[in-house]
Amino acid sequence: MAGAAAAPDLDQPLARETRGGRDARVGPEAIGRFADIVDVRTPSEFATDHLPRAVNAPVLSDAERAEVGTLNAKVSAFEARKRGATLISRNLAGILERFADRPRDFAPLVYCWRGGQRSRSLVHVMHEIGWRATRLDGGYRAYRRYVVERLAALGGAFDYRVVCGLTGSGKSRLLAALARESAQVLDLEALARHRGSLLGELPEAPQPSQKAFEGAMLRVLEGFDARRPVFVESESRRIGRLEVPAHLLLRMRASPAIRLDLDRAGRVALLKEEYVHLIRDPALLASCLAPLVPLHGKASVERWNALAREGEIDALVEALLDEHYDPTYARAIERNFPHYPQALVVRADDAGHEAFARTARSVIEMTKDEIR
């Protein structure tokens, strides 16, 4: 964590005083009760992950926290705390100006890394004004423990239906159609901002941190009804640089499967539509294909790159499907999803969204009586 060297002096958990009055504190399970949540950690800490709906109002910048941490490590805790108090006092004025238009009944939840002095400083000043601010007991660290534990518990609480299908068959498109039909959908690729394959990086949407990914998963699962099935794609362990939690992955792999079929022409059309940014940039495509050289050899990869440069996109997509994606997927699905041979088979008529809407309605009809 950026600036972690400062943690011993500024974020040391403070002795519990009272659950009410001027040092009101609540645990992570109470987050939903607050309309306003204020994260006083540094911008880099906030960017890595934060509580849902939180706004960042740092009492120390990244550079300031690093400065205090250096004093703590090389001089003394006293000098670090003195410097930290000076910097925090200066920054509090700007934070209060941000909230100057809030009414008398403003009652935010405030947190830092461990529920220590950074959050306590802002809460104290807010109480002096008359706002009833509350500290998150244990800070972000307690929230993170809550996410991990709650995700492990909820991940096994649902009956999953795993959507399988060859690359380009439209699994993500079917999940989106199911969601529009009010089915319960856990779209891990959407949460991870990645399409899951070697070429799956989304240039306009960088992936979140692992912590943020897990927090987003938890928020989706908390909205589900355990009496209804949850549709999810047959993911591998990794989605880009993120990992699906092991307990969830095991549960998915033990679940009944739905096999989605789309003919070759439809798969090619769908992949051309979804990977248009690579089609327009052969150099970018070449950099994405480079990791396949050890598996397929330089000659094969250069042949694929040549097709891209020459604009032979249909031939390129078909070559990648035949030589890499289909064999790879067949091996992975056989190894990891034991119920795939008994999968419910559904078909999309073409790559269009209306075709997937029809398929989604068919899937919902066929699974409507499947409850716990």
Protein backbone atom coordinates (compact mmCIF):
# COMPACT_ATOMS: atom_id res chain seq x y z
CA MET A 1 0.00 0.00 0.00
CA ALA A 2 1.36 3.39 -0.98
CA GLY A 3 2.70 5.35 1.96
CA ALA A 4 2.38 2.40 4.35
CA ALA A 5 5.48 3.52 6.26
CA ALA A 6 3.36 6.18 7.97
CA ALA A 7 0.87 3.66 9.35
CA PRO A 8 2.52 3.06 12.77
CA ASP A 9 2.15 6.66 13.94
CA LEU A 10 -0.94 8.07 12.21
CA ASP A 11 -3.19 5.07 11.82
CA GLN A 12 -2.54 3.26 15.08
CA PRO A 13 -5.94 2.02 16.32
CA LEU A 14 -7.09 4.09 19.26
CA ALA A 15 -8.52 2.74 22.48
CA ARG A 16 -12.28 2.26 22.25
CA GLU A 17 -14.10 5.01 24.09
CA THR A 18 -17.82 4.76 23.46
CA ARG A 19 -20.27 3.72 20.81
CA GLY A 20 -22.20 6.94 21.16
CA GLY A 21 -21.52 10.62 21.64
CA ARG A 22 -18.44 12.28 20.19
CA ASP A 23 -16.57 9.09 19.33
CA ALA A 24 -19.40 7.12 17.71
CA ARG A 25 -18.08 4.13 15.79
CA VAL A 26 -19.69 1.37 13.75
CA GLY A 27 -18.46 -1.78 12.04
CA PRO A 28 -18.40 -2.53 8.30
CA GLU A 29 -21.78 -4.28 8.44
CA ALA A 30 -23.40 -0.86 9.08
CA ILE A 31 -22.02 0.87 5.97
CA GLY A 32 -25.37 0.76 4.19
CA ARG A 33 -26.95 3.01 6.82
CA PHE A 34 -24.90 6.02 5.74
CA ALA A 35 -25.85 8.33 2.90
CA ASP A 36 -22.39 9.95 2.93
CA ILE A 37 -19.04 8.19 3.29
CA VAL A 38 -15.76 10.09 3.49
CA ASP A 39 -12.40 8.39 2.87
CA VAL A 40 -9.59 10.48 4.37
CA ARG A 41 -6.76 8.26 3.09
CA THR A 42 -4.33 9.37 0.39
CA PRO A 43 -5.40 9.51 -3.27
CA SER A 44 -3.33 6.42 -4.12
CA GLU A 45 -4.91 4.41 -1.30
CA PHE A 46 -8.35 5.52 -2.47
CA ALA A 47 -7.56 4.62 -6.10
CA THR A 48 -6.59 1.07 -5.15
CA ASP A 49 -9.91 0.43 -3.44
CA HIS A 50 -12.48 2.19 -1.29
CA LEU A 51 -15.86 1.72 0.26
CA PRO A 52 -18.82 1.94 -2.13
CA ARG A 53 -20.08 5.50 -2.64
CA ALA A 54 -17.12 6.98 -0.75
CA VAL A 55 -15.63 10.34 -1.70
CA ASN A 56 -11.94 11.01 -1.17
CA ALA A 57 -11.04 13.89 1.15
CA PRO A 58 -7.42 13.12 2.08
CA VAL A 59 -6.09 14.66 5.29
CA LEU A 60 -2.60 13.87 3.96
CA SER A 61 -1.39 13.66 0.39
CA ASP A 62 0.73 10.73 -0.74
CA ALA A 63 3.88 12.82 -0.47
CA GLU A 64 2.92 14.13 2.97
CA ARG A 65 2.21 10.66 4.31
CA ALA A 66 5.55 9.43 2.97
CA GLU A 67 7.27 12.38 4.68
CA VAL A 68 5.67 11.54 8.02
CA GLY A 69 6.54 7.89 7.60
CA THR A 70 10.18 8.76 6.99
CA LEU A 71 10.27 10.88 10.16
CA ASN A 72 8.73 8.04 12.11
CA ALA A 73 11.32 5.56 10.84
CA LYS A 74 14.45 7.74 10.95
CA VAL A 75 13.86 10.32 13.71
CA SER A 76 11.13 9.53 16.24
CA ALA A 77 7.43 8.84 16.60
CA PHE A 78 7.05 12.16 18.44
CA GLU A 79 8.48 14.19 15.55
CA ALA A 80 6.36 12.24 13.08
CA ARG A 81 3.18 12.87 15.01
CA LYS A 82 4.01 16.56 15.42
CA ARG A 83 4.62 16.96 11.68
CA GLY A 84 1.56 14.89 10.84
CA ALA A 85 -0.64 17.02 13.08
CA THR A 86 0.64 20.18 11.39
CA LEU A 87 -0.06 18.86 7.90
CA ILE A 88 -3.47 17.45 8.81
CA SER A 89 -4.52 20.75 10.41
CA ARG A 90 -3.67 22.63 7.22
CA ASN A 91 -5.55 20.16 5.03
CA LEU A 92 -8.65 20.06 7.23
CA ALA A 93 -9.50 23.63 6.23
CA GLY A 94 -9.76 22.66 2.57
CA ILE A 95 -11.83 19.59 3.42
CA LEU A 96 -14.29 21.64 5.45
CA GLU A 97 -14.66 24.07 2.56
CA ARG A 98 -15.68 21.12 0.36
CA PHE A 99 -18.51 20.31 2.76
CA ALA A 100 -19.46 23.91 3.59
CA ASP A 101 -22.87 23.61 1.91
CA ARG A 102 -23.94 20.57 3.95
CA PRO A 103 -26.88 21.03 6.34
CA ARG A 104 -26.86 20.70 10.09
CA ASP A 105 -27.99 17.06 9.93
CA PHE A 106 -24.95 16.02 7.82
CA ALA A 107 -23.87 12.72 9.39
CA PRO A 108 -21.12 11.04 7.34
CA LEU A 109 -19.20 7.86 7.98
CA VAL A 110 -15.48 8.69 8.03
CA TYR A 111 -12.65 6.20 7.70
CA CYS A 112 -8.90 5.88 7.20
CA TRP A 113 -6.65 2.82 7.02
CA ARG A 114 -7.14 1.47 10.55
CA GLY A 115 -9.65 3.83 12.14
CA GLY A 116 -6.96 5.88 13.84
CA GLN A 117 -5.84 9.48 13.97
CA ARG A 118 -6.45 10.45 10.35
CA SER A 119 -10.19 9.74 10.55
CA ARG A 120 -10.43 10.84 14.19
CA SER A 121 -9.06 14.28 13.31
CA LEU A 122 -11.80 15.03 10.77
CA VAL A 123 -14.53 13.52 12.94
CA HIS A 124 -13.44 15.69 15.88
CA VAL A 125 -13.65 18.91 13.85
CA MET A 126 -17.00 17.89 12.34
CA HIS A 127 -18.39 17.35 15.84
CA GLU A 128 -17.15 20.79 16.86
CA ILE A 129 -19.17 22.24 13.98
CA GLY A 130 -22.25 20.25 14.95
CA TRP A 131 -22.22 17.48 12.35
CA ARG A 132 -22.72 13.97 13.76
CA ALA A 133 -19.86 12.19 12.02
CA THR A 134 -19.12 8.54 12.80
CA ARG A 135 -15.85 6.63 12.46
CA LEU A 136 -15.60 3.24 10.81
CA ASP A 137 -14.25 1.03 13.57
CA GLY A 138 -11.02 -0.53 12.31
CA GLY A 139 -11.07 1.60 9.16
CA TYR A 140 -10.55 0.30 5.65
CA ARG A 141 -8.66 -2.71 7.00
CA ALA A 142 -11.79 -3.88 8.85
CA TYR A 143 -13.88 -3.30 5.71
CA ARG A 144 -11.45 -5.38 3.67
CA ARG A 145 -11.67 -8.27 6.15
CA TYR A 146 -15.44 -8.00 5.99
CA VAL A 147 -15.39 -8.22 2.17
CA VAL A 148 -13.19 -11.32 2.16
CA GLU A 149 -15.25 -13.13 4.80
CA ARG A 150 -18.61 -12.12 3.41
CA LEU A 151 -17.63 -13.00 -0.15
CA ALA A 152 -16.53 -16.46 0.97
CA ALA A 153 -19.87 -16.99 2.70
CA LEU A 154 -22.09 -15.61 -0.05
CA GLY A 155 -20.16 -17.20 -2.90
CA GLY A 156 -21.41 -20.61 -1.82
CA ALA A 157 -24.96 -19.53 -1.05
CA PHE A 158 -26.31 -19.68 -4.62
CA ASP A 159 -27.07 -22.24 -7.31
CA TYR A 160 -25.07 -21.27 -10.38
CA ARG A 161 -25.80 -22.04 -14.00
CA VAL A 162 -22.54 -21.82 -15.91
CA VAL A 163 -22.76 -20.52 -19.47
CA CYS A 164 -20.19 -22.34 -21.63
CA GLY A 165 -19.38 -21.98 -25.28
CA LEU A 166 -16.54 -21.61 -27.74
CA THR A 167 -14.82 -18.27 -28.15
CA GLY A 168 -17.09 -15.91 -30.08
CA SER A 169 -20.27 -17.81 -29.29
CA GLY A 170 -21.57 -14.79 -27.36
CA LYS A 171 -21.45 -15.86 -23.71
CA SER A 172 -21.11 -12.29 -22.45
CA ARG A 173 -23.81 -11.16 -24.84
CA LEU A 174 -26.14 -13.83 -23.47
CA LEU A 175 -25.41 -12.81 -19.88
CA ALA A 176 -26.28 -9.21 -20.75
CA ALA A 177 -29.52 -10.36 -22.39
CA LEU A 178 -30.37 -12.46 -19.33
CA ALA A 179 -29.80 -9.45 -17.08
CA ARG A 180 -32.14 -7.35 -19.24
CA GLU A 181 -34.76 -10.06 -18.72
CA SER A 182 -34.33 -9.64 -14.92
CA ALA A 183 -32.39 -12.86 -14.41
CA GLN A 184 -29.69 -12.92 -11.74
CA VAL A 185 -26.34 -12.52 -13.51
CA LEU A 186 -22.82 -12.43 -12.11
CA ASP A 187 -20.85 -11.01 -15.04
CA LEU A 188 -17.28 -11.44 -13.85
CA GLU A 189 -15.76 -10.11 -17.06
CA ALA A 190 -17.77 -6.90 -16.81
CA LEU A 191 -16.67 -6.46 -13.20
CA ALA A 192 -13.06 -7.21 -14.18
CA ARG A 193 -13.26 -4.95 -17.27
CA HIS A 194 -11.69 -7.64 -19.42
CA ARG A 195 -13.03 -10.15 -21.92
CA GLY A 196 -11.03 -12.96 -20.38
CA SER A 197 -8.95 -14.02 -23.37
CA LEU A 198 -5.43 -13.18 -24.48
CA LEU A 199 -6.89 -10.33 -26.57
CA GLY A 200 -9.45 -9.36 -23.96
CA GLU A 201 -8.00 -6.13 -22.59
CA LEU A 202 -10.35 -3.17 -22.98
CA PRO A 203 -8.27 -0.12 -23.95
CA GLU A 204 -10.87 2.38 -22.78
CA ALA A 205 -11.38 0.73 -19.37
CA PRO A 206 -8.32 -0.33 -17.35
CA GLN A 207 -8.86 -3.20 -14.94
CA PRO A 208 -9.63 -2.43 -11.30
CA SER A 209 -7.44 -3.65 -8.45
CA GLN A 210 -8.03 -7.16 -7.10
CA LYS A 211 -9.52 -5.63 -3.95
CA ALA A 212 -11.92 -3.44 -5.90
CA PHE A 213 -12.88 -6.43 -8.08
CA GLU A 214 -13.78 -8.48 -5.01
CA GLY A 215 -15.72 -5.61 -3.47
CA ALA A 216 -17.74 -5.23 -6.67
CA MET A 217 -18.49 -8.98 -6.69
CA LEU A 218 -19.75 -8.80 -3.13
CA ARG A 219 -22.09 -5.91 -3.89
CA VAL A 220 -23.63 -7.87 -6.77
CA LEU A 221 -24.04 -11.06 -4.73
CA GLU A 222 -25.62 -9.18 -1.83
CA GLY A 223 -28.48 -8.20 -4.13
CA PHE A 224 -29.34 -11.77 -5.17
CA ASP A 225 -32.14 -14.06 -4.02
CA ALA A 226 -30.81 -17.52 -3.01
CA ARG A 227 -34.06 -19.11 -4.20
CA ARG A 228 -33.27 -18.25 -7.83
CA PRO A 229 -30.37 -19.46 -10.02
CA VAL A 230 -27.41 -17.20 -10.79
CA PHE A 231 -26.02 -17.21 -14.33
CA VAL A 232 -22.25 -16.89 -14.72
CA GLU A 233 -19.73 -17.52 -17.49
CA SER A 234 -17.30 -20.46 -17.47
CA GLU A 235 -14.26 -18.43 -16.50
CA SER A 236 -10.72 -19.59 -15.99
CA ARG A 237 -8.90 -18.77 -12.76
CA ARG A 238 -7.60 -15.48 -14.16
CA ILE A 239 -9.47 -12.73 -15.97
CA GLY A 240 -6.69 -10.57 -17.31
CA ARG A 241 -4.48 -9.85 -14.30
CA LEU A 242 -7.27 -10.50 -11.78
CA GLU A 243 -8.13 -13.77 -10.08
CA VAL A 244 -11.55 -15.25 -9.42
CA PRO A 245 -11.67 -16.18 -5.70
CA ALA A 246 -10.91 -19.87 -5.30
CA HIS A 247 -14.07 -20.69 -3.33
CA LEU A 248 -16.27 -19.12 -6.00
CA LEU A 249 -14.41 -20.82 -8.82
CA LEU A 250 -14.81 -24.24 -7.18
CA ARG A 251 -18.52 -23.64 -6.73
CA MET A 252 -18.92 -22.59 -10.37
CA ARG A 253 -17.03 -25.61 -11.67
CA ALA A 254 -19.28 -27.98 -9.72
CA SER A 255 -22.45 -26.37 -11.12
CA PRO A 256 -24.72 -27.41 -14.01
CA ALA A 257 -23.70 -26.08 -17.41
CA ILE A 258 -25.50 -24.38 -20.28
CA ARG A 259 -23.82 -24.72 -23.68
CA LEU A 260 -24.33 -21.80 -26.02
CA ASP A 261 -23.93 -22.52 -29.73
CA LEU A 262 -23.50 -20.01 -32.57
CA ASP A 263 -22.53 -20.93 -36.12
CA ARG A 264 -19.10 -20.09 -37.52
CA ALA A 265 -20.28 -17.07 -39.51
CA GLY A 266 -21.97 -15.64 -36.43
CA ARG A 267 -18.88 -16.17 -34.30
CA VAL A 268 -16.66 -14.41 -36.82
CA ALA A 269 -19.10 -11.50 -37.07
CA LEU A 270 -19.33 -11.17 -33.29
CA LEU A 271 -15.55 -11.24 -32.78
CA LYS A 272 -14.99 -8.64 -35.50
CA GLU A 273 -17.48 -6.38 -33.77
CA GLU A 274 -16.06 -6.81 -30.26
CA TYR A 275 -12.39 -6.60 -31.21
CA VAL A 276 -12.63 -3.77 -33.72
CA HIS A 277 -9.90 -1.81 -31.90
CA LEU A 278 -7.41 -4.59 -32.69
CA ILE A 279 -8.56 -4.88 -36.29
CA ARG A 280 -7.88 -1.17 -36.76
CA ASP A 281 -4.41 -1.39 -35.20
CA PRO A 282 -2.35 -4.33 -36.55
CA ALA A 283 0.64 -3.24 -34.46
CA LEU A 284 -1.40 -3.50 -31.26
CA LEU A 285 -2.72 -6.87 -32.36
CA ALA A 286 0.83 -8.07 -33.02
CA SER A 287 1.89 -7.11 -29.50
CA CYS A 288 -1.08 -9.03 -28.09
CA LEU A 289 -0.28 -12.12 -30.17
CA ALA A 290 3.42 -12.13 -29.30
CA PRO A 291 2.94 -14.29 -26.15
CA LEU A 292 1.64 -17.08 -28.39
CA VAL A 293 5.02 -17.54 -30.11
CA PRO A 294 6.27 -20.17 -27.59
CA LEU A 295 3.04 -22.12 -28.05
CA HIS A 296 2.52 -21.89 -31.81
CA GLY A 297 5.89 -20.80 -33.20
CA LYS A 298 7.04 -17.65 -34.94
CA ALA A 299 5.84 -18.78 -38.37
CA SER A 300 2.21 -19.18 -37.29
CA VAL A 301 2.10 -15.90 -35.42
CA GLU A 302 3.70 -14.05 -38.33
CA ARG A 303 1.13 -15.59 -40.69
CA TRP A 304 -1.67 -14.26 -38.47
CA ASN A 305 -0.05 -10.83 -38.35
CA ALA A 306 0.27 -10.83 -42.13
CA LEU A 307 -3.45 -11.51 -42.48
CA ALA A 308 -4.13 -8.55 -40.20
CA ARG A 309 -1.86 -6.22 -42.17
CA GLU A 310 -3.45 -7.30 -45.44
CA GLY A 311 -6.98 -6.72 -44.11
CA GLU A 312 -7.94 -10.40 -44.39
CA ILE A 313 -9.87 -10.23 -41.16
CA ASP A 314 -12.31 -13.11 -41.69
CA ALA A 315 -9.42 -15.41 -42.56
CA LEU A 316 -7.49 -14.17 -39.53
CA VAL A 317 -10.38 -14.78 -37.12
CA GLU A 318 -11.01 -18.25 -38.52
CA ALA A 319 -7.33 -19.15 -38.28
CA LEU A 320 -7.16 -18.02 -34.65
CA LEU A 321 -10.29 -19.97 -33.81
CA ASP A 322 -9.14 -23.18 -35.53
CA GLU A 323 -5.52 -23.12 -34.44
CA HIS A 324 -5.65 -21.59 -30.98
CA TYR A 325 -8.95 -20.70 -29.33
CA ASP A 326 -11.14 -23.72 -30.07
CA PRO A 327 -8.54 -26.37 -29.11
CA THR A 328 -7.56 -24.41 -26.01
CA TYR A 329 -11.17 -23.97 -24.90
CA ALA A 330 -12.02 -27.62 -25.52
CA ARG A 331 -9.16 -28.76 -23.29
CA ALA A 332 -10.00 -26.27 -20.55
CA ILE A 333 -13.73 -27.00 -20.46
CA GLU A 334 -13.16 -30.76 -20.30
CA ARG A 335 -10.61 -30.38 -17.50
CA ASN A 336 -12.45 -27.86 -15.35
CA PHE A 337 -16.21 -28.28 -15.82
CA PRO A 338 -17.23 -31.90 -15.22
CA HIS A 339 -20.93 -31.26 -15.92
CA TYR A 340 -20.27 -29.90 -19.40
CA PRO A 341 -21.12 -33.21 -21.20
CA GLN A 342 -24.63 -33.01 -19.69
CA ALA A 343 -25.05 -29.31 -20.49
CA LEU A 344 -28.38 -27.83 -21.50
CA VAL A 345 -27.82 -26.78 -25.14
CA VAL A 346 -29.18 -23.48 -26.43
CA ARG A 347 -28.53 -21.70 -29.70
CA ALA A 348 -28.44 -18.12 -30.93
CA ASP A 349 -29.72 -17.70 -34.48
CA ASP A 350 -27.14 -15.02 -35.30
CA ALA A 351 -24.85 -12.51 -33.58
CA GLY A 352 -27.54 -9.81 -33.29
CA HIS A 353 -28.82 -8.59 -29.95
CA GLU A 354 -32.42 -9.58 -30.72
CA ALA A 355 -31.30 -13.16 -31.35
CA PHE A 356 -29.62 -13.22 -27.95
CA ALA A 357 -32.73 -11.73 -26.35
CA ARG A 358 -34.73 -14.67 -27.70
CA THR A 359 -32.11 -17.10 -26.46
CA ALA A 360 -32.15 -15.49 -23.01
CA ARG A 361 -35.91 -15.83 -22.76
CA SER A 362 -35.59 -19.47 -23.75
CA VAL A 363 -32.95 -20.09 -21.08
CA ILE A 364 -35.09 -18.44 -18.41
CA GLU A 365 -38.09 -20.54 -19.40
CA MET A 366 -36.06 -23.77 -19.27
CA THR A 367 -34.58 -22.97 -15.85
CA LYS A 368 -37.47 -21.17 -14.17
CA ASP A 369 -38.28 -24.08 -11.85
CA GLU A 370 -34.65 -24.64 -10.81
CA ILE A 371 -34.52 -23.29 -7.26
CA ARG A 372 -32.85 -24.47 -4.09
